[in-house]
Amino acid sequence: MLICREIPDVASDYISREGSKRTRLMVAVHMAQCSNCRNYIRGLKIARRIAAESLRGSVPTALLQNLGL
């Protein structure tokens, strides 16, 4: 099982659905139990979305898809 201080190391892969299924499952299990890490992941998703929206039109579609946006 993951602990809170390990979440930042795997958060990006979790959000973009990359990395191993096992790691993604461990993140999901941890987040089910930890509101602080849920908020952390939620904040990363929001920041990612804002960054992508600020670049719309000037970023190739393939890159946006690769980022999962």
PDB file of N, CA and C in Angstrom:
ATOM      1  N   MET A   1       0.841  -1.181   0.000  1.00  0.00           N
ATOM      2  CA  MET A   1       0.000   0.000   0.000  1.00  0.00           C
ATOM      3  C   MET A   1       0.888   1.247   0.000  1.00  0.00           C
ATOM      4  N   LEU A   2       0.437   2.239  -0.723  1.00  0.00           N
ATOM      5  CA  LEU A   2       1.169   3.493  -0.797  1.00  0.00           C
ATOM      6  C   LEU A   2       0.916   4.345   0.440  1.00  0.00           C
ATOM      7  N   ILE A   3       1.881   5.190   0.735  1.00  0.00           N
ATOM      8  CA  ILE A   3       1.690   6.179   1.784  1.00  0.00           C
ATOM      9  C   ILE A   3       1.662   7.554   1.129  1.00  0.00           C
ATOM     10  N   CYS A   4       1.177   8.533   1.861  1.00  0.00           N
ATOM     11  CA  CYS A   4       0.953   9.868   1.295  1.00  0.00           C
ATOM     12  C   CYS A   4       2.181  10.445   0.603  1.00  0.00           C
ATOM     13  N   ARG A   5       3.330  10.293   1.185  1.00  0.00           N
ATOM     14  CA  ARG A   5       4.508  10.927   0.590  1.00  0.00           C
ATOM     15  C   ARG A   5       4.927  10.280  -0.731  1.00  0.00           C
ATOM     16  N   GLU A   6       4.351   9.119  -1.074  1.00  0.00           N
ATOM     17  CA  GLU A   6       4.654   8.464  -2.354  1.00  0.00           C
ATOM     18  C   GLU A   6       3.703   8.905  -3.468  1.00  0.00           C
ATOM     19  N   ILE A   7       2.589   9.485  -3.114  1.00  0.00           N
ATOM     20  CA  ILE A   7       1.576   9.856  -4.099  1.00  0.00           C
ATOM     21  C   ILE A   7       2.110  10.845  -5.148  1.00  0.00           C
ATOM     22  N   PRO A   8       2.849  11.896  -4.759  1.00  0.00           N
ATOM     23  CA  PRO A   8       3.353  12.808  -5.803  1.00  0.00           C
ATOM     24  C   PRO A   8       4.220  12.128  -6.857  1.00  0.00           C
ATOM     25  N   ASP A   9       4.897  11.053  -6.491  1.00  0.00           N
ATOM     26  CA  ASP A   9       5.761  10.344  -7.442  1.00  0.00           C
ATOM     27  C   ASP A   9       4.971   9.596  -8.513  1.00  0.00           C
ATOM     28  N   VAL A  10       3.736   9.233  -8.213  1.00  0.00           N
ATOM     29  CA  VAL A  10       2.944   8.428  -9.151  1.00  0.00           C
ATOM     30  C   VAL A  10       1.687   9.142  -9.637  1.00  0.00           C
ATOM     31  N   ALA A  11       1.456  10.352  -9.154  1.00  0.00           N
ATOM     32  CA  ALA A  11       0.209  11.055  -9.456  1.00  0.00           C
ATOM     33  C   ALA A  11       0.027  11.329 -10.946  1.00  0.00           C
ATOM     34  N   SER A  12       1.068  11.781 -11.611  1.00  0.00           N
ATOM     35  CA  SER A  12       0.943  12.109 -13.034  1.00  0.00           C
ATOM     36  C   SER A  12       0.589  10.872 -13.857  1.00  0.00           C
ATOM     37  N   ASP A  13       1.257   9.760 -13.576  1.00  0.00           N
ATOM     38  CA  ASP A  13       0.942   8.517 -14.286  1.00  0.00           C
ATOM     39  C   ASP A  13      -0.483   8.074 -13.987  1.00  0.00           C
ATOM     40  N   TYR A  14      -0.924   8.253 -12.749  1.00  0.00           N
ATOM     41  CA  TYR A  14      -2.282   7.871 -12.381  1.00  0.00           C
ATOM     42  C   TYR A  14      -3.297   8.699 -13.169  1.00  0.00           C
ATOM     43  N   ILE A  15      -3.074   9.998 -13.224  1.00  0.00           N
ATOM     44  CA  ILE A  15      -4.006  10.887 -13.917  1.00  0.00           C
ATOM     45  C   ILE A  15      -4.057  10.574 -15.408  1.00  0.00           C
ATOM     46  N   SER A  16      -2.903  10.304 -16.006  1.00  0.00           N
ATOM     47  CA  SER A  16      -2.861  10.036 -17.447  1.00  0.00           C
ATOM     48  C   SER A  16      -3.083   8.562 -17.778  1.00  0.00           C
ATOM     49  N   ARG A  17      -3.343   7.763 -16.744  1.00  0.00           N
ATOM     50  CA  ARG A  17      -3.614   6.326 -16.900  1.00  0.00           C
ATOM     51  C   ARG A  17      -2.446   5.591 -17.541  1.00  0.00           C
ATOM     52  N   GLU A  18      -1.250   5.998 -17.134  1.00  0.00           N
ATOM     53  CA  GLU A  18      -0.034   5.317 -17.579  1.00  0.00           C
ATOM     54  C   GLU A  18       0.541   4.574 -16.380  1.00  0.00           C
ATOM     55  N   GLY A  19       1.647   3.921 -16.586  1.00  0.00           N
ATOM     56  CA  GLY A  19       2.234   3.147 -15.494  1.00  0.00           C
ATOM     57  C   GLY A  19       1.536   1.816 -15.351  1.00  0.00           C
ATOM     58  N   SER A  20       1.923   1.085 -14.353  1.00  0.00           N
ATOM     59  CA  SER A  20       1.368  -0.259 -14.184  1.00  0.00           C
ATOM     60  C   SER A  20      -0.041  -0.213 -13.595  1.00  0.00           C
ATOM     61  N   LYS A  21      -0.817  -1.210 -13.930  1.00  0.00           N
ATOM     62  CA  LYS A  21      -2.166  -1.328 -13.371  1.00  0.00           C
ATOM     63  C   LYS A  21      -2.099  -1.475 -11.860  1.00  0.00           C
ATOM     64  N   ARG A  22      -1.088  -2.186 -11.402  1.00  0.00           N
ATOM     65  CA  ARG A  22      -0.921  -2.397  -9.961  1.00  0.00           C
ATOM     66  C   ARG A  22      -0.725  -1.072  -9.233  1.00  0.00           C
ATOM     67  N   THR A  23       0.130  -0.209  -9.776  1.00  0.00           N
ATOM     68  CA  THR A  23       0.376   1.088  -9.150  1.00  0.00           C
ATOM     69  C   THR A  23      -0.878   1.941  -9.180  1.00  0.00           C
ATOM     70  N   ARG A  24      -1.578   1.951 -10.312  1.00  0.00           N
ATOM     71  CA  ARG A  24      -2.816   2.734 -10.401  1.00  0.00           C
ATOM     72  C   ARG A  24      -3.850   2.235  -9.399  1.00  0.00           C
ATOM     73  N   LEU A  25      -3.918   0.930  -9.215  1.00  0.00           N
ATOM     74  CA  LEU A  25      -4.843   0.370  -8.240  1.00  0.00           C
ATOM     75  C   LEU A  25      -4.439   0.774  -6.821  1.00  0.00           C
ATOM     76  N   MET A  26      -3.141   0.749  -6.546  1.00  0.00           N
ATOM     77  CA  MET A  26      -2.668   1.138  -5.216  1.00  0.00           C
ATOM     78  C   MET A  26      -2.977   2.612  -4.936  1.00  0.00           C
ATOM     79  N   VAL A  27      -2.855   3.462  -5.955  1.00  0.00           N
ATOM     80  CA  VAL A  27      -3.204   4.876  -5.792  1.00  0.00           C
ATOM     81  C   VAL A  27      -4.698   5.004  -5.522  1.00  0.00           C
ATOM     82  N   ALA A  28      -5.511   4.299  -6.277  1.00  0.00           N
ATOM     83  CA  ALA A  28      -6.965   4.369  -6.102  1.00  0.00           C
ATOM     84  C   ALA A  28      -7.378   3.906  -4.704  1.00  0.00           C
ATOM     85  N   VAL A  29      -6.765   2.844  -4.231  1.00  0.00           N
ATOM     86  CA  VAL A  29      -7.088   2.338  -2.889  1.00  0.00           C
ATOM     87  C   VAL A  29      -6.682   3.370  -1.842  1.00  0.00           C
ATOM     88  N   HIS A  30      -5.499   3.944  -2.006  1.00  0.00           N
ATOM     89  CA  HIS A  30      -5.042   4.948  -1.045  1.00  0.00           C
ATOM     90  C   HIS A  30      -5.974   6.153  -1.037  1.00  0.00           C
ATOM     91  N   MET A  31      -6.355   6.617  -2.228  1.00  0.00           N
ATOM     92  CA  MET A  31      -7.220   7.796  -2.307  1.00  0.00           C
ATOM     93  C   MET A  31      -8.599   7.535  -1.723  1.00  0.00           C
ATOM     94  N   ALA A  32      -9.048   6.296  -1.788  1.00  0.00           N
ATOM     95  CA  ALA A  32     -10.341   5.962  -1.188  1.00  0.00           C
ATOM     96  C   ALA A  32     -10.313   6.170   0.320  1.00  0.00           C
ATOM     97  N   GLN A  33      -9.132   6.119   0.892  1.00  0.00           N
ATOM     98  CA  GLN A  33      -8.994   6.238   2.337  1.00  0.00           C
ATOM     99  C   GLN A  33      -8.439   7.578   2.790  1.00  0.00           C
ATOM    100  N   CYS A  34      -7.935   8.400   1.868  1.00  0.00           N
ATOM    101  CA  CYS A  34      -7.196   9.604   2.250  1.00  0.00           C
ATOM    102  C   CYS A  34      -7.735  10.838   1.518  1.00  0.00           C
ATOM    103  N   SER A  35      -8.448  11.664   2.227  1.00  0.00           N
ATOM    104  CA  SER A  35      -9.021  12.856   1.605  1.00  0.00           C
ATOM    105  C   SER A  35      -7.947  13.857   1.189  1.00  0.00           C
ATOM    106  N   ASN A  36      -6.842  13.916   1.907  1.00  0.00           N
ATOM    107  CA  ASN A  36      -5.765  14.840   1.525  1.00  0.00           C
ATOM    108  C   ASN A  36      -5.192  14.477   0.158  1.00  0.00           C
ATOM    109  N   CYS A  37      -4.969  13.206  -0.086  1.00  0.00           N
ATOM    110  CA  CYS A  37      -4.428  12.785  -1.382  1.00  0.00           C
ATOM    111  C   CYS A  37      -5.474  12.913  -2.484  1.00  0.00           C
ATOM    112  N   ARG A  38      -6.742  12.698  -2.165  1.00  0.00           N
ATOM    113  CA  ARG A  38      -7.801  12.937  -3.154  1.00  0.00           C
ATOM    114  C   ARG A  38      -7.771  14.402  -3.581  1.00  0.00           C
ATOM    115  N   ASN A  39      -7.636  15.291  -2.607  1.00  0.00           N
ATOM    116  CA  ASN A  39      -7.576  16.720  -2.917  1.00  0.00           C
ATOM    117  C   ASN A  39      -6.331  17.057  -3.723  1.00  0.00           C
ATOM    118  N   TYR A  40      -5.213  16.432  -3.410  1.00  0.00           N
ATOM    119  CA  TYR A  40      -3.971  16.652  -4.145  1.00  0.00           C
ATOM    120  C   TYR A  40      -4.146  16.261  -5.616  1.00  0.00           C
ATOM    121  N   ILE A  41      -4.682  15.068  -5.860  1.00  0.00           N
ATOM    122  CA  ILE A  41      -4.904  14.589  -7.231  1.00  0.00           C
ATOM    123  C   ILE A  41      -5.907  15.490  -7.947  1.00  0.00           C
ATOM    124  N   ARG A  42      -6.956  15.882  -7.255  1.00  0.00           N
ATOM    125  CA  ARG A  42      -7.958  16.769  -7.841  1.00  0.00           C
ATOM    126  C   ARG A  42      -7.307  18.093  -8.257  1.00  0.00           C
ATOM    127  N   GLY A  43      -6.448  18.632  -7.405  1.00  0.00           N
ATOM    128  CA  GLY A  43      -5.751  19.873  -7.727  1.00  0.00           C
ATOM    129  C   GLY A  43      -4.845  19.735  -8.938  1.00  0.00           C
ATOM    130  N   LEU A  44      -4.156  18.600  -9.040  1.00  0.00           N
ATOM    131  CA  LEU A  44      -3.307  18.363 -10.210  1.00  0.00           C
ATOM    132  C   LEU A  44      -4.135  18.291 -11.488  1.00  0.00           C
ATOM    133  N   LYS A  45      -5.287  17.639 -11.418  1.00  0.00           N
ATOM    134  CA  LYS A  45      -6.154  17.548 -12.594  1.00  0.00           C
ATOM    135  C   LYS A  45      -6.629  18.927 -13.026  1.00  0.00           C
ATOM    136  N   ILE A  46      -6.989  19.755 -12.048  1.00  0.00           N
ATOM    137  CA  ILE A  46      -7.455  21.109 -12.355  1.00  0.00           C
ATOM    138  C   ILE A  46      -6.325  21.924 -12.970  1.00  0.00           C
ATOM    139  N   ALA A  47      -5.140  21.856 -12.380  1.00  0.00           N
ATOM    140  CA  ALA A  47      -3.989  22.603 -12.910  1.00  0.00           C
ATOM    141  C   ALA A  47      -3.658  22.164 -14.329  1.00  0.00           C
ATOM    142  N   ARG A  48      -3.742  20.884 -14.557  1.00  0.00           N
ATOM    143  CA  ARG A  48      -3.463  20.339 -15.883  1.00  0.00           C
ATOM    144  C   ARG A  48      -4.482  20.850 -16.909  1.00  0.00           C
ATOM    145  N   ARG A  49      -5.745  20.863 -16.493  1.00  0.00           N
ATOM    146  CA  ARG A  49      -6.810  21.331 -17.382  1.00  0.00           C
ATOM    147  C   ARG A  49      -6.644  22.824 -17.691  1.00  0.00           C
ATOM    148  N   ILE A  50      -6.318  23.619 -16.660  1.00  0.00           N
ATOM    149  CA  ILE A  50      -6.121  25.053 -16.863  1.00  0.00           C
ATOM    150  C   ILE A  50      -4.940  25.302 -17.797  1.00  0.00           C
ATOM    151  N   ALA A  51      -3.848  24.585 -17.576  1.00  0.00           N
ATOM    152  CA  ALA A  51      -2.673  24.741 -18.444  1.00  0.00           C
ATOM    153  C   ALA A  51      -3.006  24.385 -19.878  1.00  0.00           C
ATOM    154  N   ALA A  52      -3.756  23.312 -20.071  1.00  0.00           N
ATOM    155  CA  ALA A  52      -4.118  22.893 -21.424  1.00  0.00           C
ATOM    156  C   ALA A  52      -5.033  23.922 -22.086  1.00  0.00           C
ATOM    157  N   GLU A  53      -5.988  24.454 -21.332  1.00  0.00           N
ATOM    158  CA  GLU A  53      -6.907  25.436 -21.907  1.00  0.00           C
ATOM    159  C   GLU A  53      -6.189  26.718 -22.286  1.00  0.00           C
ATOM    160  N   SER A  54      -5.151  27.063 -21.537  1.00  0.00           N
ATOM    161  CA  SER A  54      -4.423  28.287 -21.849  1.00  0.00           C
ATOM    162  C   SER A  54      -3.618  28.133 -23.140  1.00  0.00           C
ATOM    163  N   LEU A  55      -3.394  26.911 -23.557  1.00  0.00           N
ATOM    164  CA  LEU A  55      -2.605  26.652 -24.755  1.00  0.00           C
ATOM    165  C   LEU A  55      -3.443  26.240 -25.961  1.00  0.00           C
ATOM    166  N   ARG A  56      -4.733  26.111 -25.786  1.00  0.00           N
ATOM    167  CA  ARG A  56      -5.590  25.650 -26.888  1.00  0.00           C
ATOM    168  C   ARG A  56      -5.383  26.503 -28.128  1.00  0.00           C
ATOM    169  N   GLY A  57      -5.353  25.831 -29.224  1.00  0.00           N
ATOM    170  CA  GLY A  57      -5.182  26.509 -30.499  1.00  0.00           C
ATOM    171  C   GLY A  57      -3.731  26.561 -30.932  1.00  0.00           C
ATOM    172  N   SER A  58      -2.816  26.596 -29.980  1.00  0.00           N
ATOM    173  CA  SER A  58      -1.411  26.668 -30.361  1.00  0.00           C
ATOM    174  C   SER A  58      -0.668  25.368 -30.068  1.00  0.00           C
ATOM    175  N   VAL A  59      -1.389  24.380 -29.568  1.00  0.00           N
ATOM    176  CA  VAL A  59      -0.767  23.094 -29.237  1.00  0.00           C
ATOM    177  C   VAL A  59      -1.321  22.043 -30.189  1.00  0.00           C
ATOM    178  N   PRO A  60      -0.454  21.234 -30.760  1.00  0.00           N
ATOM    179  CA  PRO A  60      -0.932  20.176 -31.655  1.00  0.00           C
ATOM    180  C   PRO A  60      -1.913  19.237 -30.947  1.00  0.00           C
ATOM    181  N   THR A  61      -2.934  18.834 -31.661  1.00  0.00           N
ATOM    182  CA  THR A  61      -3.952  17.951 -31.118  1.00  0.00           C
ATOM    183  C   THR A  61      -3.344  16.670 -30.571  1.00  0.00           C
ATOM    184  N   ALA A  62      -2.354  16.136 -31.248  1.00  0.00           N
ATOM    185  CA  ALA A  62      -1.717  14.886 -30.797  1.00  0.00           C
ATOM    186  C   ALA A  62      -1.098  15.054 -29.411  1.00  0.00           C
ATOM    187  N   LEU A  63      -0.528  16.215 -29.136  1.00  0.00           N
ATOM    188  CA  LEU A  63       0.068  16.461 -27.821  1.00  0.00           C
ATOM    189  C   LEU A  63      -1.008  16.531 -26.759  1.00  0.00           C
ATOM    190  N   LEU A  64      -2.098  17.211 -27.047  1.00  0.00           N
ATOM    191  CA  LEU A  64      -3.199  17.269 -26.083  1.00  0.00           C
ATOM    192  C   LEU A  64      -3.740  15.871 -25.787  1.00  0.00           C
ATOM    193  N   GLN A  65      -3.876  15.053 -26.813  1.00  0.00           N
ATOM    194  CA  GLN A  65      -4.351  13.684 -26.617  1.00  0.00           C
ATOM    195  C   GLN A  65      -3.366  12.890 -25.791  1.00  0.00           C
ATOM    196  N   ASN A  66      -2.096  13.077 -26.044  1.00  0.00           N
ATOM    197  CA  ASN A  66      -1.053  12.379 -25.299  1.00  0.00           C
ATOM    198  C   ASN A  66      -1.096  12.759 -23.821  1.00  0.00           C
ATOM    199  N   LEU A  67      -1.476  14.001 -23.532  1.00  0.00           N
ATOM    200  CA  LEU A  67      -1.589  14.471 -22.160  1.00  0.00           C
ATOM    201  C   LEU A  67      -2.909  14.056 -21.521  1.00  0.00           C
ATOM    202  N   GLY A  68      -3.784  13.454 -22.317  1.00  0.00           N
ATOM    203  CA  GLY A  68      -5.064  13.002 -21.798  1.00  0.00           C
ATOM    204  C   GLY A  68      -6.060  14.132 -21.636  1.00  0.00           C
ATOM    205  N   LEU A  69      -5.898  15.178 -22.440  1.00  0.00           N
ATOM    206  CA  LEU A  69      -6.789  16.353 -22.325  1.00  0.00           C
ATOM    207  C   LEU A  69      -7.677  16.514 -23.523  1.00  0.00           C
TER     208      LEU A  69
END
